[in-house]
C-alpha atoms as a PDB file:
ATOM      1  CA  MET A   1      26.271 -48.053 -50.191  1.00  0.00           C
ATOM      2  CA  THR A   2      25.369 -47.558 -53.873  1.00  0.00           C
ATOM      3  CA  TRP A   3      27.678 -46.012 -56.390  1.00  0.00           C
ATOM      4  CA  SER A   4      25.544 -42.785 -56.439  1.00  0.00           C
ATOM      5  CA  HIS A   5      25.786 -42.486 -52.667  1.00  0.00           C
ATOM      6  CA  MET A   6      29.611 -42.889 -52.891  1.00  0.00           C
ATOM      7  CA  VAL A   7      29.814 -40.074 -55.482  1.00  0.00           C
ATOM      8  CA  TRP A   8      27.613 -37.808 -53.322  1.00  0.00           C
ATOM      9  CA  ALA A   9      29.797 -38.483 -50.203  1.00  0.00           C
ATOM     10  CA  ASN A  10      33.043 -37.841 -52.100  1.00  0.00           C
ATOM     11  CA  GLU A  11      31.752 -34.542 -53.520  1.00  0.00           C
ATOM     12  CA  LEU A  12      30.584 -33.263 -50.048  1.00  0.00           C
ATOM     13  CA  ALA A  13      33.630 -34.423 -48.132  1.00  0.00           C
ATOM     14  CA  PRO A  14      35.634 -31.161 -48.598  1.00  0.00           C
ATOM     15  CA  VAL A  15      32.574 -29.256 -47.296  1.00  0.00           C
ATOM     16  CA  PHE A  16      32.272 -31.181 -44.095  1.00  0.00           C
ATOM     17  CA  LYS A  17      36.018 -31.505 -43.516  1.00  0.00           C
ATOM     18  CA  GLY A  18      37.086 -29.509 -40.537  1.00  0.00           C
ATOM     19  CA  LEU A  19      33.572 -28.641 -39.320  1.00  0.00           C
ATOM     20  CA  GLN A  20      33.103 -28.773 -35.532  1.00  0.00           C
ATOM     21  CA  PRO A  21      30.303 -30.746 -33.956  1.00  0.00           C
ATOM     22  CA  PHE A  22      27.272 -28.541 -33.110  1.00  0.00           C
ATOM     23  CA  THR A  23      27.068 -27.606 -29.419  1.00  0.00           C
ATOM     24  CA  PRO A  24      23.657 -26.393 -28.255  1.00  0.00           C
ATOM     25  CA  PRO A  25      23.759 -22.895 -26.784  1.00  0.00           C
ATOM     26  CA  GLY A  26      24.800 -22.953 -23.172  1.00  0.00           C
ATOM     27  CA  ARG A  27      26.096 -26.538 -23.147  1.00  0.00           C
ATOM     28  CA  ASN A  28      29.691 -26.736 -21.882  1.00  0.00           C
ATOM     29  CA  ARG A  29      29.958 -23.000 -21.984  1.00  0.00           C
ATOM     30  CA  PRO A  30      30.061 -20.684 -18.969  1.00  0.00           C
ATOM     31  CA  GLN A  31      26.673 -19.163 -18.191  1.00  0.00           C
ATOM     32  CA  GLN A  32      26.479 -15.401 -18.046  1.00  0.00           C
ATOM     33  CA  PRO A  33      24.037 -13.835 -15.619  1.00  0.00           C
ATOM     34  CA  ARG A  34      21.100 -12.318 -17.481  1.00  0.00           C
ATOM     35  CA  ILE A  35      19.435  -9.114 -16.436  1.00  0.00           C
ATOM     36  CA  ARG A  36      15.835  -9.043 -17.638  1.00  0.00           C
ATOM     37  CA  CYS A  37      14.307  -5.794 -18.834  1.00  0.00           C
ATOM     38  CA  HIS A  38      10.745  -4.745 -19.288  1.00  0.00           C
ATOM     39  CA  GLY A  39       9.538  -4.918 -22.880  1.00  0.00           C
ATOM     40  CA  GLU A  40      10.801  -8.443 -23.596  1.00  0.00           C
ATOM     41  CA  ASP A  41       7.164  -9.476 -24.315  1.00  0.00           C
ATOM     42  CA  LEU A  42       7.019 -11.779 -21.264  1.00  0.00           C
ATOM     43  CA  PHE A  43       3.309 -12.235 -21.437  1.00  0.00           C
ATOM     44  CA  PHE A  44       3.364 -15.991 -21.096  1.00  0.00           C
ATOM     45  CA  ASN A  45       5.678 -17.860 -18.767  1.00  0.00           C
ATOM     46  CA  ASP A  46       6.162 -21.582 -18.295  1.00  0.00           C
ATOM     47  CA  ASN A  47       9.646 -21.128 -16.767  1.00  0.00           C
ATOM     48  CA  GLY A  48       9.685 -22.058 -13.138  1.00  0.00           C
ATOM     49  CA  LYS A  49      12.523 -19.676 -12.336  1.00  0.00           C
ATOM     50  CA  LEU A  50      11.572 -16.064 -11.698  1.00  0.00           C
ATOM     51  CA  GLN A  51      13.899 -13.470 -13.087  1.00  0.00           C
ATOM     52  CA  LEU A  52      12.818  -9.919 -12.209  1.00  0.00           C
ATOM     53  CA  PRO A  53      14.350  -6.770 -13.688  1.00  0.00           C
ATOM     54  CA  VAL A  54      16.453  -4.707 -11.217  1.00  0.00           C
ATOM     55  CA  SER A  55      13.825  -1.924 -11.351  1.00  0.00           C
ATOM     56  CA  TYR A  56      10.798  -4.225 -10.828  1.00  0.00           C
ATOM     57  CA  ASN A  57       8.277  -2.733  -8.397  1.00  0.00           C
ATOM     58  CA  VAL A  58       7.289  -5.613  -6.186  1.00  0.00           C
ATOM     59  CA  PRO A  59       5.107  -3.567  -3.727  1.00  0.00           C
ATOM     60  CA  TRP A  60       2.937  -2.052  -6.430  1.00  0.00           C
ATOM     61  CA  MET A  61      -0.064  -1.485  -4.091  1.00  0.00           C
ATOM     62  CA  ALA A  62       1.914   1.166  -2.224  1.00  0.00           C
ATOM     63  CA  ALA A  63       0.909   3.590  -4.978  1.00  0.00           C
ATOM     64  CA  ILE A  64      -2.794   3.075  -4.413  1.00  0.00           C
ATOM     65  CA  GLN A  65      -4.432   5.654  -2.214  1.00  0.00           C
ATOM     66  CA  ASP A  66      -5.705   4.526   1.158  1.00  0.00           C
ATOM     67  CA  PHE A  67      -9.243   5.778   0.430  1.00  0.00           C
ATOM     68  CA  ARG A  68      -9.583   3.661  -2.703  1.00  0.00           C
ATOM     69  CA  THR A  69     -12.067   0.814  -2.166  1.00  0.00           C
ATOM     70  CA  LEU A  70     -10.992  -2.683  -3.021  1.00  0.00           C
ATOM     71  CA  SER A  71     -13.713  -3.152  -5.668  1.00  0.00           C
ATOM     72  CA  LEU A  72     -12.145  -0.232  -7.618  1.00  0.00           C
ATOM     73  CA  ILE A  73      -8.717  -1.834  -8.004  1.00  0.00           C
ATOM     74  CA  THR A  74      -7.654  -3.999 -10.939  1.00  0.00           C
ATOM     75  CA  ILE A  75      -5.756  -6.951  -9.563  1.00  0.00           C
ATOM     76  CA  PRO A  76      -3.595  -9.590 -11.313  1.00  0.00           C
ATOM     77  CA  GLY A  77      -4.409 -13.054 -10.013  1.00  0.00           C
ATOM     78  CA  THR A  78      -3.766 -16.705 -10.881  1.00  0.00           C
ATOM     79  CA  HIS A  79      -6.341 -19.392 -11.580  1.00  0.00           C
ATOM     80  CA  ASP A  80      -5.651 -22.593  -9.634  1.00  0.00           C
ATOM     81  CA  THR A  81      -2.672 -20.850  -8.054  1.00  0.00           C
ATOM     82  CA  MET A  82      -0.941 -23.958  -6.742  1.00  0.00           C
ATOM     83  CA  ALA A  83      -1.512 -26.197  -9.781  1.00  0.00           C
ATOM     84  CA  LEU A  84       2.135 -26.882 -10.630  1.00  0.00           C
ATOM     85  CA  HIS A  85       1.817 -30.668 -10.623  1.00  0.00           C
ATOM     86  CA  GLY A  86      -0.179 -33.409 -12.344  1.00  0.00           C
ATOM     87  CA  GLY A  87       0.805 -33.308 -15.981  1.00  0.00           C
ATOM     88  CA  PRO A  88      -0.238 -31.129 -18.962  1.00  0.00           C
ATOM     89  CA  GLU A  89      -3.991 -31.352 -18.316  1.00  0.00           C
ATOM     90  CA  ALA A  90      -3.671 -30.324 -14.635  1.00  0.00           C
ATOM     91  CA  GLU A  91      -0.809 -27.801 -14.584  1.00  0.00           C
ATOM     92  CA  CYS A  92      -1.879 -24.168 -14.689  1.00  0.00           C
ATOM     93  CA  GLN A  93       1.134 -22.360 -13.282  1.00  0.00           C
ATOM     94  CA  ALA A  94       4.939 -22.568 -13.442  1.00  0.00           C
ATOM     95  CA  LEU A  95       6.009 -20.246 -10.585  1.00  0.00           C
ATOM     96  CA  SER A  96       5.933 -21.143  -6.923  1.00  0.00           C
ATOM     97  CA  LEU A  97       3.610 -19.216  -4.686  1.00  0.00           C
ATOM     98  CA  LYS A  98       6.474 -17.110  -3.284  1.00  0.00           C
ATOM     99  CA  ASP A  99       7.532 -16.075  -6.795  1.00  0.00           C
ATOM    100  CA  GLN A 100       4.032 -15.349  -7.938  1.00  0.00           C
ATOM    101  CA  LEU A 101       3.646 -12.929  -5.091  1.00  0.00           C
ATOM    102  CA  ARG A 102       6.923 -11.229  -5.868  1.00  0.00           C
ATOM    103  CA  ALA A 103       5.901 -10.965  -9.537  1.00  0.00           C
ATOM    104  CA  GLY A 104       2.850  -9.005  -8.465  1.00  0.00           C
ATOM    105  CA  ILE A 105       0.056 -11.610  -8.121  1.00  0.00           C
ATOM    106  CA  ARG A 106      -2.396 -10.478  -5.435  1.00  0.00           C
ATOM    107  CA  TYR A 107      -5.331 -12.921  -5.868  1.00  0.00           C
ATOM    108  CA  LEU A 108      -4.959 -16.668  -5.128  1.00  0.00           C
ATOM    109  CA  ASP A 109      -7.399 -19.319  -6.231  1.00  0.00           C
ATOM    110  CA  LEU A 110      -7.271 -22.448  -4.026  1.00  0.00           C
ATOM    111  CA  THR A 111      -9.219 -25.667  -4.198  1.00  0.00           C
ATOM    112  CA  VAL A 112      -8.954 -27.573  -0.870  1.00  0.00           C
ATOM    113  CA  HIS A 113      -9.671 -31.139   0.086  1.00  0.00           C
ATOM    114  CA  LEU A 114     -10.047 -32.310   3.722  1.00  0.00           C
ATOM    115  CA  ARG A 115      -7.871 -35.332   4.544  1.00  0.00           C
ATOM    116  CA  SER A 116      -6.816 -36.478   8.006  1.00  0.00           C
ATOM    117  CA  ASP A 117      -8.046 -33.216   9.595  1.00  0.00           C
ATOM    118  CA  THR A 118      -5.859 -31.199   7.248  1.00  0.00           C
ATOM    119  CA  LEU A 119      -6.904 -28.997   4.308  1.00  0.00           C
ATOM    120  CA  HIS A 120      -4.758 -29.996   1.338  1.00  0.00           C
ATOM    121  CA  VAL A 121      -4.583 -27.893  -1.795  1.00  0.00           C
ATOM    122  CA  THR A 122      -5.585 -29.785  -4.903  1.00  0.00           C
ATOM    123  CA  HIS A 123      -6.502 -29.367  -8.533  1.00  0.00           C
ATOM    124  CA  GLY A 124      -9.230 -31.921  -9.406  1.00  0.00           C
ATOM    125  CA  ILE A 125      -7.983 -35.229  -8.092  1.00  0.00           C
ATOM    126  CA  MET A 126      -4.322 -34.067  -8.274  1.00  0.00           C
ATOM    127  CA  GLY A 127      -2.749 -33.145  -4.956  1.00  0.00           C
ATOM    128  CA  GLN A 128      -0.447 -30.109  -5.172  1.00  0.00           C
ATOM    129  CA  HIS A 129       2.054 -31.007  -2.338  1.00  0.00           C
ATOM    130  CA  SER A 130       0.887 -28.184  -0.142  1.00  0.00           C
ATOM    131  CA  THR A 131      -1.605 -27.536   2.657  1.00  0.00           C
ATOM    132  CA  LEU A 132      -3.669 -24.400   3.220  1.00  0.00           C
ATOM    133  CA  ARG A 133      -1.671 -23.764   6.358  1.00  0.00           C
ATOM    134  CA  GLU A 134       1.519 -23.684   4.372  1.00  0.00           C
ATOM    135  CA  VAL A 135      -0.079 -21.328   1.819  1.00  0.00           C
ATOM    136  CA  LEU A 136      -1.142 -18.954   4.621  1.00  0.00           C
ATOM    137  CA  ASP A 137       2.324 -19.031   6.128  1.00  0.00           C
ATOM    138  CA  THR A 138       3.956 -18.117   2.774  1.00  0.00           C
ATOM    139  CA  VAL A 139       1.513 -15.223   2.278  1.00  0.00           C
ATOM    140  CA  ARG A 140       2.067 -13.986   5.794  1.00  0.00           C
ATOM    141  CA  ALA A 141       5.850 -14.040   5.303  1.00  0.00           C
ATOM    142  CA  PHE A 142       5.444 -12.010   2.137  1.00  0.00           C
ATOM    143  CA  LEU A 143       3.157  -9.463   3.781  1.00  0.00           C
ATOM    144  CA  SER A 144       5.530  -9.049   6.728  1.00  0.00           C
ATOM    145  CA  GLU A 145       8.143  -7.961   4.230  1.00  0.00           C
ATOM    146  CA  PHE A 146       5.853  -5.833   2.072  1.00  0.00           C
ATOM    147  CA  LYS A 147       3.432  -4.219   4.465  1.00  0.00           C
ATOM    148  CA  SER A 148       1.826  -2.004   1.800  1.00  0.00           C
ATOM    149  CA  GLU A 149       0.353  -5.006  -0.008  1.00  0.00           C
ATOM    150  CA  ALA A 150      -2.812  -7.126   0.469  1.00  0.00           C
ATOM    151  CA  VAL A 151      -3.448 -10.604  -0.862  1.00  0.00           C
ATOM    152  CA  LEU A 152      -6.952 -11.860  -1.754  1.00  0.00           C
ATOM    153  CA  ILE A 153      -7.610 -15.583  -1.250  1.00  0.00           C
ATOM    154  CA  ARG A 154     -10.526 -17.619  -2.569  1.00  0.00           C
ATOM    155  CA  VAL A 155     -11.019 -21.037  -0.955  1.00  0.00           C
ATOM    156  CA  LYS A 156     -13.068 -23.551  -2.950  1.00  0.00           C
ATOM    157  CA  PRO A 157     -13.956 -26.653  -0.943  1.00  0.00           C
ATOM    158  CA  GLU A 158     -14.322 -30.008  -2.672  1.00  0.00           C
ATOM    159  CA  LEU A 159     -17.980 -31.153  -2.786  1.00  0.00           C
ATOM    160  CA  SER A 160     -17.697 -33.588   0.110  1.00  0.00           C
ATOM    161  CA  ASP A 161     -15.944 -31.071   2.373  1.00  0.00           C
ATOM    162  CA  LYS A 162     -18.228 -28.050   2.039  1.00  0.00           C
ATOM    163  CA  GLY A 163     -19.727 -28.258   5.553  1.00  0.00           C
ATOM    164  CA  LYS A 164     -16.385 -28.342   7.365  1.00  0.00           C
ATOM    165  CA  VAL A 165     -14.078 -25.980   5.533  1.00  0.00           C
ATOM    166  CA  ASN A 166     -15.403 -22.734   6.941  1.00  0.00           C
ATOM    167  CA  GLN A 167     -14.828 -23.913  10.480  1.00  0.00           C
ATOM    168  CA  MET A 168     -11.354 -25.281   9.718  1.00  0.00           C
ATOM    169  CA  VAL A 169     -10.241 -22.009   8.065  1.00  0.00           C
ATOM    170  CA  GLN A 170     -11.525 -20.105  11.053  1.00  0.00           C
ATOM    171  CA  SER A 171      -9.388 -22.249  13.334  1.00  0.00           C
ATOM    172  CA  LEU A 172      -6.364 -21.677  11.100  1.00  0.00           C
ATOM    173  CA  ILE A 173      -6.611 -17.922  11.209  1.00  0.00           C
ATOM    174  CA  SER A 174      -7.856 -17.819  14.808  1.00  0.00           C
ATOM    175  CA  ASN A 175      -7.973 -14.123  15.916  1.00  0.00           C
ATOM    176  CA  ASP A 176      -5.242 -12.943  13.520  1.00  0.00           C
ATOM    177  CA  LYS A 177      -5.715  -9.220  13.145  1.00  0.00           C
ATOM    178  CA  HIS A 178      -3.907  -9.360   9.786  1.00  0.00           C
ATOM    179  CA  VAL A 179      -6.754 -11.346   8.189  1.00  0.00           C
ATOM    180  CA  TRP A 180      -9.899  -9.706   6.751  1.00  0.00           C
ATOM    181  CA  VAL A 181     -13.025 -11.936   7.068  1.00  0.00           C
ATOM    182  CA  SER A 182     -15.711  -9.240   7.131  1.00  0.00           C
ATOM    183  CA  SER A 183     -18.253  -9.100   4.190  1.00  0.00           C
ATOM    184  CA  GLY A 184     -17.979  -5.309   4.124  1.00  0.00           C
ATOM    185  CA  MET A 185     -16.019  -3.779   1.228  1.00  0.00           C
ATOM    186  CA  PRO A 186     -12.779  -2.402   2.685  1.00  0.00           C
ATOM    187  CA  SER A 187     -10.604   0.477   1.579  1.00  0.00           C
ATOM    188  CA  MET A 188      -6.969  -0.095   0.634  1.00  0.00           C
ATOM    189  CA  GLY A 189      -5.895   1.540   3.873  1.00  0.00           C
ATOM    190  CA  GLN A 190      -7.870  -0.973   5.906  1.00  0.00           C
ATOM    191  CA  ILE A 191      -6.253  -4.069   4.362  1.00  0.00           C
ATOM    192  CA  ARG A 192      -2.574  -3.187   3.956  1.00  0.00           C
ATOM    193  CA  GLY A 193      -0.461  -6.035   5.250  1.00  0.00           C
ATOM    194  CA  LYS A 194      -3.477  -8.343   5.350  1.00  0.00           C
ATOM    195  CA  ILE A 195      -4.874 -11.534   3.880  1.00  0.00           C
ATOM    196  CA  VAL A 196      -8.347 -10.768   2.479  1.00  0.00           C
ATOM    197  CA  PHE A 197     -10.653 -13.761   2.068  1.00  0.00           C
ATOM    198  CA  VAL A 198     -13.331 -13.536  -0.636  1.00  0.00           C
ATOM    199  CA  GLN A 199     -16.454 -15.582  -0.453  1.00  0.00           C
ATOM    200  CA  LYS A 200     -18.626 -17.384  -2.899  1.00  0.00           C
ATOM    201  CA  ASN A 201     -21.102 -20.248  -2.664  1.00  0.00           C
ATOM    202  CA  THR A 202     -20.555 -22.347   0.501  1.00  0.00           C
ATOM    203  CA  PHE A 203     -17.369 -20.581   1.593  1.00  0.00           C
ATOM    204  CA  THR A 204     -18.729 -17.644   3.593  1.00  0.00           C
ATOM    205  CA  LEU A 205     -15.727 -15.782   4.982  1.00  0.00           C
ATOM    206  CA  GLY A 206     -14.755 -12.455   3.523  1.00  0.00           C
ATOM    207  CA  VAL A 207     -15.795 -10.038   0.793  1.00  0.00           C
ATOM    208  CA  PRO A 208     -18.399 -11.217  -1.677  1.00  0.00           C
ATOM    209  CA  LEU A 209     -17.033 -12.323  -5.044  1.00  0.00           C
ATOM    210  CA  LEU A 210     -18.848 -11.745  -8.361  1.00  0.00           C
ATOM    211  CA  ASP A 211     -17.733 -14.254 -10.967  1.00  0.00           C
ATOM    212  CA  THR A 212     -18.328 -12.987 -14.491  1.00  0.00           C
ATOM    213  CA  ASP A 213     -17.905 -16.495 -15.920  1.00  0.00           C
ATOM    214  CA  SER A 214     -20.788 -18.906 -16.445  1.00  0.00           C
ATOM    215  CA  LYS A 215     -20.591 -22.645 -16.081  1.00  0.00           C
ATOM    216  CA  GLY A 216     -18.618 -24.220 -18.928  1.00  0.00           C
ATOM    217  CA  ASN A 217     -16.885 -20.958 -19.933  1.00  0.00           C
ATOM    218  CA  ASN A 218     -13.517 -22.494 -19.137  1.00  0.00           C
ATOM    219  CA  LYS A 219     -13.922 -25.040 -21.975  1.00  0.00           C
ATOM    220  CA  VAL A 220     -12.040 -23.945 -25.110  1.00  0.00           C
ATOM    221  CA  GLU A 221     -12.435 -25.409 -28.536  1.00  0.00           C
ATOM    222  CA  HIS A 222     -11.322 -22.327 -30.522  1.00  0.00           C
ATOM    223  CA  ILE A 223      -8.989 -19.644 -29.158  1.00  0.00           C
ATOM    224  CA  LYS A 224     -10.860 -16.836 -30.910  1.00  0.00           C
ATOM    225  CA  ASP A 225     -14.019 -17.819 -29.175  1.00  0.00           C
ATOM    226  CA  LYS A 226     -12.218 -17.632 -25.830  1.00  0.00           C
ATOM    227  CA  ASP A 227     -11.004 -14.130 -26.704  1.00  0.00           C
ATOM    228  CA  LYS A 228     -14.587 -13.000 -27.317  1.00  0.00           C
ATOM    229  CA  LEU A 229     -15.761 -14.477 -24.005  1.00  0.00           C
ATOM    230  CA  ILE A 230     -12.984 -12.635 -22.114  1.00  0.00           C
ATOM    231  CA  ILE A 231     -14.075  -9.346 -23.676  1.00  0.00           C
ATOM    232  CA  LYS A 232     -17.682 -10.039 -22.594  1.00  0.00           C
ATOM    233  CA  HIS A 233     -16.625 -10.922 -19.084  1.00  0.00           C
ATOM    234  CA  LEU A 234     -14.335  -7.928 -18.708  1.00  0.00           C
ATOM    235  CA  SER A 235     -17.145  -5.666 -19.768  1.00  0.00           C
ATOM    236  CA  ARG A 236     -19.332  -7.218 -17.053  1.00  0.00           C
ATOM    237  CA  ALA A 237     -16.531  -6.733 -14.541  1.00  0.00           C
ATOM    238  CA  GLN A 238     -16.155  -3.131 -15.463  1.00  0.00           C
ATOM    239  CA  GLN A 239     -19.832  -2.462 -14.841  1.00  0.00           C
ATOM    240  CA  ALA A 240     -19.569  -4.155 -11.389  1.00  0.00           C
ATOM    241  CA  CYS A 241     -16.484  -2.224 -10.233  1.00  0.00           C
ATOM    242  CA  GLY A 242     -17.018   0.073  -7.294  1.00  0.00           C
ATOM    243  CA  GLY A 243     -19.939  -2.009  -5.973  1.00  0.00           C
ATOM    244  CA  ASP A 244     -20.315  -4.314  -3.007  1.00  0.00           C
ATOM    245  CA  ASN A 245     -18.560  -7.258  -4.756  1.00  0.00           C
ATOM    246  CA  VAL A 246     -15.091  -7.919  -6.044  1.00  0.00           C
ATOM    247  CA  ALA A 247     -15.503  -8.754  -9.767  1.00  0.00           C
ATOM    248  CA  LEU A 248     -13.546 -11.755 -11.080  1.00  0.00           C
ATOM    249  CA  THR A 249     -12.731 -12.671 -14.699  1.00  0.00           C
ATOM    250  CA  HIS A 250     -10.795 -15.747 -15.843  1.00  0.00           C
ATOM    251  CA  SER A 251      -8.643 -15.616 -18.846  1.00  0.00           C
ATOM    252  CA  SER A 252      -7.728 -19.274 -18.292  1.00  0.00           C
ATOM    253  CA  GLY A 253      -9.218 -22.251 -20.085  1.00  0.00           C
ATOM    254  CA  THR A 254      -8.725 -25.843 -21.309  1.00  0.00           C
ATOM    255  CA  GLY A 255      -9.840 -27.949 -24.231  1.00  0.00           C
ATOM    256  CA  PHE A 256      -9.930 -31.061 -22.111  1.00  0.00           C
ATOM    257  CA  GLY A 257     -13.336 -32.706 -22.432  1.00  0.00           C
ATOM    258  CA  THR A 258     -14.119 -31.113 -25.854  1.00  0.00           C
ATOM    259  CA  PHE A 259     -13.742 -32.585 -29.289  1.00  0.00           C
ATOM    260  CA  TRP A 260     -12.160 -29.810 -31.332  1.00  0.00           C
ATOM    261  CA  GLY A 261     -10.017 -28.517 -28.447  1.00  0.00           C
ATOM    262  CA  MET A 262      -8.875 -31.868 -27.093  1.00  0.00           C
ATOM    263  CA  PHE A 263      -5.189 -30.890 -27.475  1.00  0.00           C
ATOM    264  CA  LEU A 264      -5.535 -27.434 -25.948  1.00  0.00           C
ATOM    265  CA  THR A 265      -4.042 -27.826 -22.444  1.00  0.00           C
ATOM    266  CA  PRO A 266      -4.170 -24.938 -20.061  1.00  0.00           C
ATOM    267  CA  LYS A 267      -0.602 -24.061 -21.053  1.00  0.00           C
ATOM    268  CA  ARG A 268      -1.403 -24.044 -24.812  1.00  0.00           C
ATOM    269  CA  VAL A 269      -4.457 -21.888 -24.198  1.00  0.00           C
ATOM    270  CA  ALA A 270      -2.425 -19.431 -22.070  1.00  0.00           C
ATOM    271  CA  GLU A 271       0.353 -19.331 -24.733  1.00  0.00           C
ATOM    272  CA  LYS A 272      -2.193 -17.939 -27.225  1.00  0.00           C
ATOM    273  CA  VAL A 273      -4.497 -15.932 -24.959  1.00  0.00           C
ATOM    274  CA  ASN A 274      -1.922 -14.115 -22.797  1.00  0.00           C
ATOM    275  CA  PRO A 275      -0.259 -12.021 -25.572  1.00  0.00           C
ATOM    276  CA  TRP A 276      -3.690 -11.207 -26.963  1.00  0.00           C
ATOM    277  CA  LEU A 277      -4.937 -10.179 -23.445  1.00  0.00           C
ATOM    278  CA  ASN A 278      -1.981  -7.930 -22.947  1.00  0.00           C
ATOM    279  CA  GLN A 279      -2.682  -6.116 -26.208  1.00  0.00           C
ATOM    280  CA  TYR A 280      -6.401  -5.833 -25.464  1.00  0.00           C
ATOM    281  CA  LEU A 281      -5.834  -4.298 -22.008  1.00  0.00           C
ATOM    282  CA  ARG A 282      -3.166  -1.866 -23.197  1.00  0.00           C
ATOM    283  CA  GLN A 283      -5.717  -0.248 -25.590  1.00  0.00           C
ATOM    284  CA  PHE A 284      -7.319   1.329 -22.479  1.00  0.00           C
ATOM    285  CA  TYR A 285      -4.087   3.114 -21.367  1.00  0.00           C
ATOM    286  CA  PRO A 286      -4.994   6.440 -23.094  1.00  0.00           C
ATOM    287  CA  ASN A 287      -8.235   6.586 -21.157  1.00  0.00           C
ATOM    288  CA  GLN A 288      -8.398   9.013 -18.258  1.00  0.00           C
ATOM    289  CA  PRO A 289      -9.052   7.527 -15.831  1.00  0.00           C
ATOM    290  CA  ARG A 290      -8.172   3.998 -16.900  1.00  0.00           C
ATOM    291  CA  PRO A 291     -11.032   1.530 -16.394  1.00  0.00           C
ATOM    292  CA  CYS A 292     -11.306  -0.903 -13.470  1.00  0.00           C
ATOM    293  CA  PHE A 293     -11.687  -4.650 -14.281  1.00  0.00           C
ATOM    294  CA  GLY A 294     -11.479  -6.187 -10.820  1.00  0.00           C
ATOM    295  CA  VAL A 295      -9.492  -9.411 -10.480  1.00  0.00           C
ATOM    296  CA  ILE A 296      -8.129 -10.989 -13.660  1.00  0.00           C
ATOM    297  CA  ALA A 297      -7.177 -14.621 -12.920  1.00  0.00           C
ATOM    298  CA  MET A 298      -4.681 -16.040 -15.389  1.00  0.00           C
ATOM    299  CA  ASP A 299      -2.785 -19.184 -16.261  1.00  0.00           C
ATOM    300  CA  PHE A 300       1.040 -18.963 -16.797  1.00  0.00           C
ATOM    301  CA  PRO A 301       1.167 -15.114 -16.714  1.00  0.00           C
ATOM    302  CA  GLY A 302       4.529 -13.508 -17.612  1.00  0.00           C
ATOM    303  CA  ILE A 303       5.777 -10.462 -15.729  1.00  0.00           C
ATOM    304  CA  ASP A 304       4.952  -8.024 -18.574  1.00  0.00           C
ATOM    305  CA  LEU A 305       1.293  -9.119 -18.641  1.00  0.00           C
ATOM    306  CA  ILE A 306       1.131  -8.814 -14.827  1.00  0.00           C
ATOM    307  CA  GLN A 307       2.494  -5.305 -15.067  1.00  0.00           C
ATOM    308  CA  THR A 308       0.017  -4.442 -17.809  1.00  0.00           C
ATOM    309  CA  VAL A 309      -2.791  -5.353 -15.388  1.00  0.00           C
ATOM    310  CA  VAL A 310      -1.159  -3.473 -12.494  1.00  0.00           C
ATOM    311  CA  ASN A 311      -0.737  -0.312 -14.619  1.00  0.00           C
ATOM    312  CA  LEU A 312      -4.469  -0.078 -15.258  1.00  0.00           C
ATOM    313  CA  ASN A 313      -4.606   1.430 -11.759  1.00  0.00           C
ATOM    314  CA  ARG A 314      -4.030   4.995 -12.854  1.00  0.00           C
ATOM    315  CA  TRP A 315      -6.690   7.572 -11.944  1.00  0.00           C
END
């Protein structure tokens, strides 16, 4: 130690004398239960533990009139619903399927891969430690508890499995009267307590799906450009509402595979987009009636953003 360092240490010694070591909040201290309230700006959530306010309305579809057609309802959904594993480039959600449903999510996006005569849920090459059968069992358990609700499911077969998935899904659901596989657009009263499959491309069970995205729209180099795309897609969805298709818009995205956005993981994109999306949607609240946007599929949605989407259903 140099002479100047010794002088500095002697001068500061009285300041540091008696100070206690810093203890991070919560460490070695009793944890107090926390009651969450609306208005905490929970638009983005990467916390795997769901904490709902006491007054949270889980069965929000109960307020929708039976005569209202499905294509006129704005529905919060998740993109790659089961993508909880695989590292930053693969993970799109933090909450389990059970917790997503309780938080208000009513559209599930599932990529499946056939292996050993079983449909496994994947995200790209990453397995998500779940099968389609297990997903359906979880949804059925939720709907048996909340009979006013309906849950839309999109199944996306991997390229090599396209010819077999329809048949395997049919065998999974058998003649279950609580599953909607018709291509006709149902009313809310017809689908309460039911799983509603939506169809696109080679998966042909259920209600037709109109995807407002174009190929490559999920790639994000600049967040502002993604915001503009979402506005464009929501406008397209609004025009399609009330028709023969369920409109779908993705707010999700990733910079993986781009140059300028190489560090924009799905989580980082959602962290920026979700608060903006919440503000954008709330500007329509004064409208009477509030507009329909169909399904909005999100990454890492917080409960306040989910409720913002739900509350667009005011006529």
